PDB file of N, CA and C in Angstrom:
ATOM      1  N   MET A   1     -11.368 -12.773  32.625  1.00  0.00           N
ATOM      2  CA  MET A   1      -9.952 -12.612  31.838  1.00  0.00           C
ATOM      3  C   MET A   1     -10.874 -12.426  30.154  1.00  0.00           C
ATOM      4  N   ARG A   2     -11.391 -13.255  29.647  1.00  0.00           N
ATOM      5  CA  ARG A   2     -12.584 -12.527  28.344  1.00  0.00           C
ATOM      6  C   ARG A   2     -12.305 -11.185  27.907  1.00  0.00           C
ATOM      7  N   LYS A   3     -12.538 -10.100  29.091  1.00  0.00           N
ATOM      8  CA  LYS A   3     -12.827  -8.589  28.854  1.00  0.00           C
ATOM      9  C   LYS A   3     -11.165  -8.176  28.752  1.00  0.00           C
ATOM     10  N   PHE A   4     -10.383  -9.155  29.152  1.00  0.00           N
ATOM     11  CA  PHE A   4      -8.251  -8.561  28.481  1.00  0.00           C
ATOM     12  C   PHE A   4      -8.501  -8.820  27.468  1.00  0.00           C
ATOM     13  N   ASN A   5      -8.736  -9.899  27.293  1.00  0.00           N
ATOM     14  CA  ASN A   5      -8.628 -10.878  25.691  1.00  0.00           C
ATOM     15  C   ASN A   5      -9.539  -9.429  24.279  1.00  0.00           C
ATOM     16  N   LYS A   6     -10.645  -9.549  25.361  1.00  0.00           N
ATOM     17  CA  LYS A   6     -11.436  -8.557  23.983  1.00  0.00           C
ATOM     18  C   LYS A   6     -10.253  -6.906  24.016  1.00  0.00           C
ATOM     19  N   ARG A   7      -9.680  -6.392  24.756  1.00  0.00           N
ATOM     20  CA  ARG A   7      -9.676  -5.256  25.187  1.00  0.00           C
ATOM     21  C   ARG A   7      -7.423  -5.605  24.440  1.00  0.00           C
ATOM     22  N   VAL A   8      -7.399  -6.356  24.532  1.00  0.00           N
ATOM     23  CA  VAL A   8      -5.936  -6.665  23.944  1.00  0.00           C
ATOM     24  C   VAL A   8      -5.929  -6.502  22.316  1.00  0.00           C
ATOM     25  N   VAL A   9      -7.423  -7.424  21.797  1.00  0.00           N
ATOM     26  CA  VAL A   9      -7.898  -7.669  20.595  1.00  0.00           C
ATOM     27  C   VAL A   9      -7.901  -6.425  19.730  1.00  0.00           C
ATOM     28  N   GLN A  10      -8.152  -5.643  20.681  1.00  0.00           N
ATOM     29  CA  GLN A  10      -9.159  -4.035  19.892  1.00  0.00           C
ATOM     30  C   GLN A  10      -8.010  -3.535  19.812  1.00  0.00           C
ATOM     31  N   TYR A  11      -6.941  -3.048  20.998  1.00  0.00           N
ATOM     32  CA  TYR A  11      -5.488  -1.899  20.886  1.00  0.00           C
ATOM     33  C   TYR A  11      -4.663  -3.036  19.352  1.00  0.00           C
ATOM     34  N   LEU A  12      -5.011  -4.596  19.502  1.00  0.00           N
ATOM     35  CA  LEU A  12      -4.246  -4.782  18.006  1.00  0.00           C
ATOM     36  C   LEU A  12      -4.556  -4.235  17.055  1.00  0.00           C
ATOM     37  N   VAL A  13      -5.897  -4.346  17.171  1.00  0.00           N
ATOM     38  CA  VAL A  13      -6.525  -3.492  15.531  1.00  0.00           C
ATOM     39  C   VAL A  13      -6.817  -2.107  15.228  1.00  0.00           C
ATOM     40  N   LYS A  14      -6.777  -1.708  16.488  1.00  0.00           N
ATOM     41  CA  LYS A  14      -6.392  -0.136  16.397  1.00  0.00           C
ATOM     42  C   LYS A  14      -4.891  -0.005  16.377  1.00  0.00           C
ATOM     43  N   GLY A  15      -4.110  -0.533  16.223  1.00  0.00           N
ATOM     44  CA  GLY A  15      -2.204  -0.518  16.482  1.00  0.00           C
ATOM     45  C   GLY A  15      -2.263  -0.449  14.975  1.00  0.00           C
ATOM     46  N   ILE A  16      -2.688  -1.495  14.775  1.00  0.00           N
ATOM     47  CA  ILE A  16      -2.628  -2.250  13.191  1.00  0.00           C
ATOM     48  C   ILE A  16      -3.224  -1.131  11.866  1.00  0.00           C
ATOM     49  N   GLU A  17      -4.424  -0.191  12.634  1.00  0.00           N
ATOM     50  CA  GLU A  17      -5.248   0.773  11.455  1.00  0.00           C
ATOM     51  C   GLU A  17      -4.185   1.404  11.619  1.00  0.00           C
ATOM     52  N   TYR A  18      -4.064   2.401  12.645  1.00  0.00           N
ATOM     53  CA  TYR A  18      -2.344   3.304  12.306  1.00  0.00           C
ATOM     54  C   TYR A  18      -1.533   3.588  11.537  1.00  0.00           C
ATOM     55  N   LEU A  19      -0.552   1.724  11.695  1.00  0.00           N
ATOM     56  CA  LEU A  19       0.818   1.381  11.042  1.00  0.00           C
ATOM     57  C   LEU A  19       0.007   1.572  10.024  1.00  0.00           C
ATOM     58  N   PHE A  20      -1.426   1.163   9.644  1.00  0.00           N
ATOM     59  CA  PHE A  20      -1.122   1.668   7.807  1.00  0.00           C
ATOM     60  C   PHE A  20      -1.550   2.215   7.170  1.00  0.00           C
ATOM     61  N   VAL A  21      -1.926   3.727   8.511  1.00  0.00           N
ATOM     62  CA  VAL A  21      -2.292   4.738   7.659  1.00  0.00           C
ATOM     63  C   VAL A  21      -1.128   5.521   7.547  1.00  0.00           C
ATOM     64  N   VAL A  22       0.158   4.676   8.925  1.00  0.00           N
ATOM     65  CA  VAL A  22       1.387   5.807   8.326  1.00  0.00           C
ATOM     66  C   VAL A  22       2.137   5.072   7.137  1.00  0.00           C
ATOM     67  N   LEU A  23       2.130   4.124   7.113  1.00  0.00           N
ATOM     68  CA  LEU A  23       2.608   3.283   5.793  1.00  0.00           C
ATOM     69  C   LEU A  23       2.165   3.651   4.261  1.00  0.00           C
ATOM     70  N   TRP A  24       0.116   4.064   4.391  1.00  0.00           N
ATOM     71  CA  TRP A  24      -0.203   4.333   3.483  1.00  0.00           C
ATOM     72  C   TRP A  24      -0.023   6.197   3.140  1.00  0.00           C
ATOM     73  N   ILE A  25       0.183   6.572   3.604  1.00  0.00           N
ATOM     74  CA  ILE A  25       0.374   8.301   3.791  1.00  0.00           C
ATOM     75  C   ILE A  25       2.167   8.242   3.555  1.00  0.00           C
ATOM     76  N   TYR A  26       3.267   7.671   4.233  1.00  0.00           N
ATOM     77  CA  TYR A  26       4.628   7.652   3.722  1.00  0.00           C
ATOM     78  C   TYR A  26       4.620   6.945   2.170  1.00  0.00           C
ATOM     79  N   ALA A  27       4.395   5.610   2.101  1.00  0.00           N
ATOM     80  CA  ALA A  27       4.325   5.425   0.444  1.00  0.00           C
ATOM     81  C   ALA A  27       3.910   6.579  -1.010  1.00  0.00           C
ATOM     82  N   ALA A  28       2.542   7.134  -0.259  1.00  0.00           N
ATOM     83  CA  ALA A  28       1.756   7.727  -1.234  1.00  0.00           C
ATOM     84  C   ALA A  28       2.551   8.916  -1.378  1.00  0.00           C
ATOM     85  N   THR A  29       2.707   9.574  -0.777  1.00  0.00           N
ATOM     86  CA  THR A  29       4.087  10.688  -0.083  1.00  0.00           C
ATOM     87  C   THR A  29       5.594  10.245  -0.887  1.00  0.00           C
ATOM     88  N   ALA A  30       5.883   8.861  -0.462  1.00  0.00           N
ATOM     89  CA  ALA A  30       6.998   9.847  -1.043  1.00  0.00           C
ATOM     90  C   ALA A  30       6.945   9.496  -2.844  1.00  0.00           C
ATOM     91  N   LYS A  31       6.014   8.396  -3.462  1.00  0.00           N
ATOM     92  CA  LYS A  31       6.098   8.273  -4.893  1.00  0.00           C
ATOM     93  C   LYS A  31       5.664  10.172  -5.584  1.00  0.00           C
ATOM     94  N   LEU A  32       5.209  10.675  -4.969  1.00  0.00           N
ATOM     95  CA  LEU A  32       4.627  11.738  -5.011  1.00  0.00           C
ATOM     96  C   LEU A  32       5.500  12.721  -5.145  1.00  0.00           C
ATOM     97  N   LEU A  33       6.386  12.762  -3.948  1.00  0.00           N
ATOM     98  CA  LEU A  33       7.648  13.383  -4.285  1.00  0.00           C
ATOM     99  C   LEU A  33       8.735  13.034  -4.973  1.00  0.00           C
ATOM    100  N   ASP A  34       8.605  12.085  -5.148  1.00  0.00           N
ATOM    101  CA  ASP A  34       9.483  12.065  -6.372  1.00  0.00           C
ATOM    102  C   ASP A  34       9.151  11.294  -7.690  1.00  0.00           C
ATOM    103  N   PHE A  35       7.875  12.315  -8.295  1.00  0.00           N
ATOM    104  CA  PHE A  35       6.992  11.650  -8.930  1.00  0.00           C
ATOM    105  C   PHE A  35       7.589  11.061 -10.797  1.00  0.00           C
ATOM    106  N   GLU A  36       8.346  11.472 -11.142  1.00  0.00           N
ATOM    107  CA  GLU A  36       9.565  11.387 -11.748  1.00  0.00           C
ATOM    108  C   GLU A  36      10.233   9.718 -11.780  1.00  0.00           C
ATOM    109  N   ALA A  37      10.597   9.792 -11.103  1.00  0.00           N
ATOM    110  CA  ALA A  37      11.095   8.550 -10.993  1.00  0.00           C
ATOM    111  C   ALA A  37      10.233   7.486 -10.645  1.00  0.00           C
ATOM    112  N   PHE A  38       8.504   8.089 -10.333  1.00  0.00           N
ATOM    113  CA  PHE A  38       8.179   6.453  -9.651  1.00  0.00           C
ATOM    114  C   PHE A  38       7.348   5.828 -10.867  1.00  0.00           C
ATOM    115  N   SER A  39       7.172   7.550 -11.527  1.00  0.00           N
ATOM    116  CA  SER A  39       6.415   7.337 -13.500  1.00  0.00           C
ATOM    117  C   SER A  39       7.255   6.733 -13.630  1.00  0.00           C
ATOM    118  N   ILE A  40       9.120   6.841 -14.005  1.00  0.00           N
ATOM    119  CA  ILE A  40       9.846   6.152 -14.891  1.00  0.00           C
ATOM    120  C   ILE A  40      10.256   4.753 -14.692  1.00  0.00           C
ATOM    121  N   GLN A  41       9.718   3.843 -12.946  1.00  0.00           N
ATOM    122  CA  GLN A  41      10.100   3.421 -12.831  1.00  0.00           C
ATOM    123  C   GLN A  41       8.644   2.165 -13.399  1.00  0.00           C
ATOM    124  N   LEU A  42       7.369   2.811 -13.791  1.00  0.00           N
ATOM    125  CA  LEU A  42       6.424   2.077 -13.417  1.00  0.00           C
ATOM    126  C   LEU A  42       6.356   1.652 -14.604  1.00  0.00           C
ATOM    127  N   GLY A  43       7.090   2.859 -15.927  1.00  0.00           N
ATOM    128  CA  GLY A  43       7.149   2.461 -17.279  1.00  0.00           C
ATOM    129  C   GLY A  43       7.806   1.934 -17.450  1.00  0.00           C
ATOM    130  N   GLN A  44       8.857   1.248 -16.767  1.00  0.00           N
ATOM    131  CA  GLN A  44      10.503  -0.105 -16.657  1.00  0.00           C
ATOM    132  C   GLN A  44       9.533  -0.942 -17.029  1.00  0.00           C
ATOM    133  N   SER A  45       8.389  -1.501 -16.183  1.00  0.00           N
ATOM    134  CA  SER A  45       8.186  -2.213 -15.594  1.00  0.00           C
ATOM    135  C   SER A  45       7.464  -3.554 -16.331  1.00  0.00           C
ATOM    136  N   PRO A  46       8.155  -4.543 -16.233  1.00  0.00           N
ATOM    137  CA  PRO A  46       7.790  -5.301 -17.401  1.00  0.00           C
ATOM    138  C   PRO A  46       5.702  -6.022 -17.017  1.00  0.00           C
ATOM    139  N   LEU A  47       5.598  -5.716 -15.828  1.00  0.00           N
ATOM    140  CA  LEU A  47       4.296  -6.749 -15.731  1.00  0.00           C
ATOM    141  C   LEU A  47       3.171  -5.046 -15.689  1.00  0.00           C
ATOM    142  N   LEU A  48       3.299  -3.409 -15.932  1.00  0.00           N
ATOM    143  CA  LEU A  48       3.003  -2.610 -15.891  1.00  0.00           C
ATOM    144  C   LEU A  48       3.293  -1.597 -17.030  1.00  0.00           C
ATOM    145  N   SER A  49       4.439  -1.580 -17.328  1.00  0.00           N
ATOM    146  CA  SER A  49       4.568  -0.469 -18.820  1.00  0.00           C
ATOM    147  C   SER A  49       3.139  -0.542 -19.456  1.00  0.00           C
ATOM    148  N   ALA A  50       2.177  -0.951 -19.753  1.00  0.00           N
ATOM    149  CA  ALA A  50       0.869  -0.580 -19.861  1.00  0.00           C
ATOM    150  C   ALA A  50       0.709  -0.187 -19.876  1.00  0.00           C
ATOM    151  N   TYR A  51      -0.099  -0.250 -18.469  1.00  0.00           N
ATOM    152  CA  TYR A  51      -0.721   0.989 -17.066  1.00  0.00           C
ATOM    153  C   TYR A  51      -0.179   1.686 -16.330  1.00  0.00           C
ATOM    154  N   ALA A  52       0.115   2.147 -17.007  1.00  0.00           N
ATOM    155  CA  ALA A  52       1.678   3.103 -16.500  1.00  0.00           C
ATOM    156  C   ALA A  52       0.986   4.454 -16.131  1.00  0.00           C
ATOM    157  N   GLY A  53       0.502   4.959 -17.126  1.00  0.00           N
ATOM    158  CA  GLY A  53       0.274   5.877 -16.911  1.00  0.00           C
ATOM    159  C   GLY A  53      -1.204   6.807 -16.856  1.00  0.00           C
ATOM    160  N   ILE A  54      -1.932   5.363 -16.135  1.00  0.00           N
ATOM    161  CA  ILE A  54      -2.557   5.496 -15.048  1.00  0.00           C
ATOM    162  C   ILE A  54      -2.824   5.013 -13.817  1.00  0.00           C
ATOM    163  N   LEU A  55      -1.849   4.219 -13.450  1.00  0.00           N
ATOM    164  CA  LEU A  55      -1.043   3.738 -12.629  1.00  0.00           C
ATOM    165  C   LEU A  55      -0.915   4.456 -11.578  1.00  0.00           C
ATOM    166  N   VAL A  56       0.282   5.474 -12.389  1.00  0.00           N
ATOM    167  CA  VAL A  56       1.147   6.853 -11.237  1.00  0.00           C
ATOM    168  C   VAL A  56       0.404   7.510 -11.050  1.00  0.00           C
ATOM    169  N   TRP A  57      -0.796   7.843 -11.386  1.00  0.00           N
ATOM    170  CA  TRP A  57      -1.766   8.505 -10.249  1.00  0.00           C
ATOM    171  C   TRP A  57      -2.956   7.684  -9.327  1.00  0.00           C
ATOM    172  N   LEU A  58      -3.160   6.516  -9.879  1.00  0.00           N
ATOM    173  CA  LEU A  58      -4.415   5.702  -9.094  1.00  0.00           C
ATOM    174  C   LEU A  58      -3.073   5.383  -7.870  1.00  0.00           C
ATOM    175  N   VAL A  59      -2.085   4.363  -7.669  1.00  0.00           N
ATOM    176  CA  VAL A  59      -1.523   3.934  -6.700  1.00  0.00           C
ATOM    177  C   VAL A  59      -1.350   5.081  -5.412  1.00  0.00           C
ATOM    178  N   PRO A  60      -1.323   6.269  -5.817  1.00  0.00           N
ATOM    179  CA  PRO A  60      -0.588   6.889  -4.593  1.00  0.00           C
ATOM    180  C   PRO A  60      -2.652   7.651  -4.047  1.00  0.00           C
ATOM    181  N   LEU A  61      -2.962   7.769  -4.602  1.00  0.00           N
ATOM    182  CA  LEU A  61      -4.463   8.682  -4.316  1.00  0.00           C
ATOM    183  C   LEU A  61      -5.114   7.393  -3.493  1.00  0.00           C
ATOM    184  N   SER A  62      -5.178   5.914  -3.630  1.00  0.00           N
ATOM    185  CA  SER A  62      -6.137   4.728  -3.406  1.00  0.00           C
ATOM    186  C   SER A  62      -4.927   4.605  -2.242  1.00  0.00           C
ATOM    187  N   GLU A  63      -3.774   4.660  -1.411  1.00  0.00           N
ATOM    188  CA  GLU A  63      -2.839   4.893  -0.913  1.00  0.00           C
ATOM    189  C   GLU A  63      -3.371   6.279   0.249  1.00  0.00           C
ATOM    190  N   TYR A  64      -3.486   7.616  -0.238  1.00  0.00           N
ATOM    191  CA  TYR A  64      -3.955   7.980   0.312  1.00  0.00           C
ATOM    192  C   TYR A  64      -5.814   8.340   0.982  1.00  0.00           C
ATOM    193  N   VAL A  65      -6.578   7.738   0.141  1.00  0.00           N
ATOM    194  CA  VAL A  65      -8.072   6.898   0.721  1.00  0.00           C
ATOM    195  C   VAL A  65      -8.317   6.451   1.732  1.00  0.00           C
ATOM    196  N   LEU A  66      -7.491   5.197   1.016  1.00  0.00           N
ATOM    197  CA  LEU A  66      -7.090   4.003   2.635  1.00  0.00           C
ATOM    198  C   LEU A  66      -6.845   4.719   3.706  1.00  0.00           C
ATOM    199  N   SER A  67      -5.898   5.345   3.712  1.00  0.00           N
ATOM    200  CA  SER A  67      -5.853   6.164   5.114  1.00  0.00           C
ATOM    201  C   SER A  67      -6.163   7.140   5.600  1.00  0.00           C
ATOM    202  N   THR A  68      -7.561   7.696   4.201  1.00  0.00           N
ATOM    203  CA  THR A  68      -9.483   8.200   5.397  1.00  0.00           C
ATOM    204  C   THR A  68     -10.035   7.283   5.907  1.00  0.00           C
ATOM    205  N   LEU A  69      -9.831   6.460   4.868  1.00  0.00           N
ATOM    206  CA  LEU A  69     -10.635   5.635   6.000  1.00  0.00           C
ATOM    207  C   LEU A  69     -10.472   4.938   6.272  1.00  0.00           C
ATOM    208  N   LEU A  70      -9.585   4.217   6.724  1.00  0.00           N
ATOM    209  CA  LEU A  70      -8.950   4.123   8.182  1.00  0.00           C
ATOM    210  C   LEU A  70      -9.171   5.139   8.954  1.00  0.00           C
ATOM    211  N   LEU A  71      -9.131   6.140   9.114  1.00  0.00           N
ATOM    212  CA  LEU A  71      -9.294   7.322   9.866  1.00  0.00           C
ATOM    213  C   LEU A  71     -10.415   6.887  10.832  1.00  0.00           C
ATOM    214  N   ILE A  72     -11.886   6.967   9.795  1.00  0.00           N
ATOM    215  CA  ILE A  72     -13.117   7.037   9.871  1.00  0.00           C
ATOM    216  C   ILE A  72     -14.081   6.460  10.462  1.00  0.00           C
ATOM    217  N   PRO A  73     -14.137   6.351  11.504  1.00  0.00           N
ATOM    218  CA  PRO A  73     -14.881   5.187  12.434  1.00  0.00           C
ATOM    219  C   PRO A  73     -15.916   4.461  11.596  1.00  0.00           C
ATOM    220  N   LYS A  74     -17.014   4.614  11.117  1.00  0.00           N
ATOM    221  CA  LYS A  74     -17.444   4.100   9.930  1.00  0.00           C
ATOM    222  C   LYS A  74     -16.926   3.955   8.569  1.00  0.00           C
ATOM    223  N   THR A  75     -16.064   4.088   8.211  1.00  0.00           N
ATOM    224  CA  THR A  75     -15.509   3.337   6.963  1.00  0.00           C
ATOM    225  C   THR A  75     -14.324   2.688   7.703  1.00  0.00           C
ATOM    226  N   LYS A  76     -13.723   2.028   8.305  1.00  0.00           N
ATOM    227  CA  LYS A  76     -12.429   1.622   9.029  1.00  0.00           C
ATOM    228  C   LYS A  76     -12.332   0.155   8.426  1.00  0.00           C
ATOM    229  N   THR A  77     -13.344  -0.454   8.331  1.00  0.00           N
ATOM    230  CA  THR A  77     -13.564  -1.426   7.986  1.00  0.00           C
ATOM    231  C   THR A  77     -13.280  -1.742   6.425  1.00  0.00           C
ATOM    232  N   ILE A  78     -14.056  -1.186   5.435  1.00  0.00           N
ATOM    233  CA  ILE A  78     -13.093  -0.537   4.107  1.00  0.00           C
ATOM    234  C   ILE A  78     -11.959  -0.856   3.750  1.00  0.00           C
ATOM    235  N   GLY A  79     -11.675   0.263   5.125  1.00  0.00           N
ATOM    236  CA  GLY A  79     -10.200   0.080   4.514  1.00  0.00           C
ATOM    237  C   GLY A  79      -9.435  -0.247   4.406  1.00  0.00           C
ATOM    238  N   LEU A  80      -9.709  -1.490   6.464  1.00  0.00           N
ATOM    239  CA  LEU A  80      -8.670  -2.176   6.518  1.00  0.00           C
ATOM    240  C   LEU A  80      -9.513  -3.995   4.792  1.00  0.00           C
ATOM    241  N   TYR A  81     -10.396  -3.977   4.530  1.00  0.00           N
ATOM    242  CA  TYR A  81     -10.204  -4.277   3.511  1.00  0.00           C
ATOM    243  C   TYR A  81      -9.539  -3.732   1.903  1.00  0.00           C
ATOM    244  N   GLY A  82      -9.665  -2.805   2.363  1.00  0.00           N
ATOM    245  CA  GLY A  82      -9.032  -1.950   1.234  1.00  0.00           C
ATOM    246  C   GLY A  82      -7.555  -2.712   0.894  1.00  0.00           C
ATOM    247  N   SER A  83      -6.952  -2.264   2.297  1.00  0.00           N
ATOM    248  CA  SER A  83      -5.109  -2.714   2.624  1.00  0.00           C
ATOM    249  C   SER A  83      -4.799  -3.772   2.202  1.00  0.00           C
ATOM    250  N   LEU A  84      -5.940  -4.577   2.804  1.00  0.00           N
ATOM    251  CA  LEU A  84      -5.807  -6.377   2.504  1.00  0.00           C
ATOM    252  C   LEU A  84      -5.162  -6.592   0.764  1.00  0.00           C
ATOM    253  N   TYR A  85      -6.556  -5.899   0.593  1.00  0.00           N
ATOM    254  CA  TYR A  85      -6.219  -6.258  -1.440  1.00  0.00           C
ATOM    255  C   TYR A  85      -5.241  -5.582  -1.419  1.00  0.00           C
ATOM    256  N   LEU A  86      -4.936  -4.349  -1.441  1.00  0.00           N
ATOM    257  CA  LEU A  86      -3.650  -3.337  -1.674  1.00  0.00           C
ATOM    258  C   LEU A  86      -2.331  -4.438  -1.992  1.00  0.00           C
ATOM    259  N   MET A  87      -2.638  -4.873  -0.447  1.00  0.00           N
ATOM    260  CA  MET A  87      -0.794  -5.310   0.453  1.00  0.00           C
ATOM    261  C   MET A  87      -0.949  -6.797  -0.720  1.00  0.00           C
ATOM    262  N   THR A  88      -2.078  -7.535  -0.858  1.00  0.00           N
ATOM    263  CA  THR A  88      -2.039  -8.690  -1.184  1.00  0.00           C
ATOM    264  C   THR A  88      -1.368  -8.874  -3.235  1.00  0.00           C
ATOM    265  N   ALA A  89      -1.618  -8.006  -3.836  1.00  0.00           N
ATOM    266  CA  ALA A  89      -1.993  -7.450  -5.107  1.00  0.00           C
ATOM    267  C   ALA A  89      -0.927  -6.775  -5.358  1.00  0.00           C
ATOM    268  N   PHE A  90      -0.429  -5.951  -4.149  1.00  0.00           N
ATOM    269  CA  PHE A  90       1.529  -5.124  -3.526  1.00  0.00           C
ATOM    270  C   PHE A  90       2.532  -7.227  -3.625  1.00  0.00           C
ATOM    271  N   THR A  91       2.127  -7.594  -3.057  1.00  0.00           N
ATOM    272  CA  THR A  91       3.501  -8.984  -2.691  1.00  0.00           C
ATOM    273  C   THR A  91       2.856  -9.786  -3.736  1.00  0.00           C
ATOM    274  N   THR A  92       2.041  -9.710  -4.101  1.00  0.00           N
ATOM    275  CA  THR A  92       2.526 -10.420  -5.557  1.00  0.00           C
ATOM    276  C   THR A  92       2.659 -10.308  -6.871  1.00  0.00           C
ATOM    277  N   TYR A  93       2.664  -9.323  -6.690  1.00  0.00           N
ATOM    278  CA  TYR A  93       3.673  -8.262  -7.684  1.00  0.00           C
ATOM    279  C   TYR A  93       4.911  -8.159  -7.725  1.00  0.00           C
ATOM    280  N   ILE A  94       5.506  -8.417  -6.407  1.00  0.00           N
ATOM    281  CA  ILE A  94       6.412  -8.660  -5.726  1.00  0.00           C
ATOM    282  C   ILE A  94       7.346  -9.847  -6.113  1.00  0.00           C
ATOM    283  N   ILE A  95       6.676 -11.142  -6.202  1.00  0.00           N
ATOM    284  CA  ILE A  95       6.847 -12.435  -6.005  1.00  0.00           C
ATOM    285  C   ILE A  95       7.050 -12.646  -7.548  1.00  0.00           C
ATOM    286  N   ILE A  96       5.888 -12.216  -8.105  1.00  0.00           N
ATOM    287  CA  ILE A  96       6.164 -12.519  -9.507  1.00  0.00           C
ATOM    288  C   ILE A  96       8.002 -11.832 -10.422  1.00  0.00           C
ATOM    289  N   ILE A  97       7.833 -10.469 -10.441  1.00  0.00           N
ATOM    290  CA  ILE A  97       8.501  -9.712 -10.862  1.00  0.00           C
ATOM    291  C   ILE A  97      10.127 -10.716  -9.831  1.00  0.00           C
ATOM    292  N   LEU A  98      10.085 -10.709  -9.126  1.00  0.00           N
ATOM    293  CA  LEU A  98      11.560 -11.616  -8.529  1.00  0.00           C
ATOM    294  C   LEU A  98      11.804 -12.984  -8.973  1.00  0.00           C
ATOM    295  N   ASN A  99      10.406 -13.525  -9.009  1.00  0.00           N
ATOM    296  CA  ASN A  99      11.052 -14.769  -9.679  1.00  0.00           C
ATOM    297  C   ASN A  99      11.004 -14.781 -10.886  1.00  0.00           C
ATOM    298  N   TYR A 100      10.478 -14.331 -12.016  1.00  0.00           N
ATOM    299  CA  TYR A 100       9.853 -14.085 -13.173  1.00  0.00           C
ATOM    300  C   TYR A 100      10.551 -12.988 -13.936  1.00  0.00           C
ATOM    301  N   ALA A 101      11.304 -11.838 -13.993  1.00  0.00           N
ATOM    302  CA  ALA A 101      11.309 -11.118 -14.076  1.00  0.00           C
ATOM    303  C   ALA A 101      13.151 -11.183 -14.126  1.00  0.00           C
ATOM    304  N   ASP A 102      13.429 -10.844 -15.229  1.00  0.00           N
ATOM    305  CA  ASP A 102      15.320 -10.431 -16.068  1.00  0.00           C
ATOM    306  C   ASP A 102      15.669  -8.913 -14.581  1.00  0.00           C
ATOM    307  N   PHE A 103      14.554  -8.387 -14.971  1.00  0.00           N
ATOM    308  CA  PHE A 103      15.427  -6.924 -14.963  1.00  0.00           C
ATOM    309  C   PHE A 103      13.963  -6.449 -13.716  1.00  0.00           C
ATOM    310  N   VAL A 104      14.570  -6.156 -12.706  1.00  0.00           N
ATOM    311  CA  VAL A 104      13.568  -5.864 -11.888  1.00  0.00           C
ATOM    312  C   VAL A 104      13.334  -4.122 -11.304  1.00  0.00           C
ATOM    313  N   PRO A 105      12.790  -3.086 -11.930  1.00  0.00           N
ATOM    314  CA  PRO A 105      12.959  -1.831 -11.970  1.00  0.00           C
ATOM    315  C   PRO A 105      12.820  -0.800 -10.848  1.00  0.00           C
ATOM    316  N   CYS A 106      12.223  -0.867 -10.175  1.00  0.00           N
ATOM    317  CA  CYS A 106      12.257  -0.433  -8.431  1.00  0.00           C
ATOM    318  C   CYS A 106      12.832  -0.486  -7.082  1.00  0.00           C
ATOM    319  N   SER A 107      12.213  -0.141  -6.078  1.00  0.00           N
ATOM    320  CA  SER A 107      13.291  -0.205  -4.558  1.00  0.00           C
ATOM    321  C   SER A 107      12.020  -0.622  -4.453  1.00  0.00           C
ATOM    322  N   CYS A 108      11.255  -1.026  -4.788  1.00  0.00           N
ATOM    323  CA  CYS A 108       9.923  -1.367  -3.833  1.00  0.00           C
ATOM    324  C   CYS A 108       9.889  -2.035  -2.424  1.00  0.00           C
ATOM    325  N   GLY A 109       9.009  -1.210  -1.566  1.00  0.00           N
ATOM    326  CA  GLY A 109       9.059  -0.744  -0.069  1.00  0.00           C
ATOM    327  C   GLY A 109      10.072  -0.135   0.402  1.00  0.00           C
ATOM    328  N   GLY A 110      10.098   1.139   0.473  1.00  0.00           N
ATOM    329  CA  GLY A 110      11.135   2.071   0.677  1.00  0.00           C
ATOM    330  C   GLY A 110      11.358   1.473   2.357  1.00  0.00           C
ATOM    331  N   ILE A 111       9.651   2.103   3.253  1.00  0.00           N
ATOM    332  CA  ILE A 111       9.696   1.563   4.410  1.00  0.00           C
ATOM    333  C   ILE A 111      10.183   0.374   4.861  1.00  0.00           C
ATOM    334  N   LEU A 112       9.710  -0.956   4.116  1.00  0.00           N
ATOM    335  CA  LEU A 112       9.694  -2.127   4.861  1.00  0.00           C
ATOM    336  C   LEU A 112      11.091  -2.301   5.231  1.00  0.00           C
TER     337      LEU A 112
END
């Protein structure tokens, strides 16, 4: 029974890794395909407008880097921690924007 549980956990982790890869590649590609809109939305953000110039490149780049880290066996742990960090930052941003901002500048979370 113990081997079964260990195998289930391994498959679950592998599935989470692949879902994150799909999520990060989709999100980064969507941002770059509609780069102008993404840039404008970041510029309109009440929290991020001061950093929009760097974030417009840093966010898609970090999503592609995380995808790559998750696909390489030796770096998948770093990729999972990075994914946790990026998802936490995104979730925090969405909570703050929805609860405290007068204006929601984006349709954040297209795949979600």
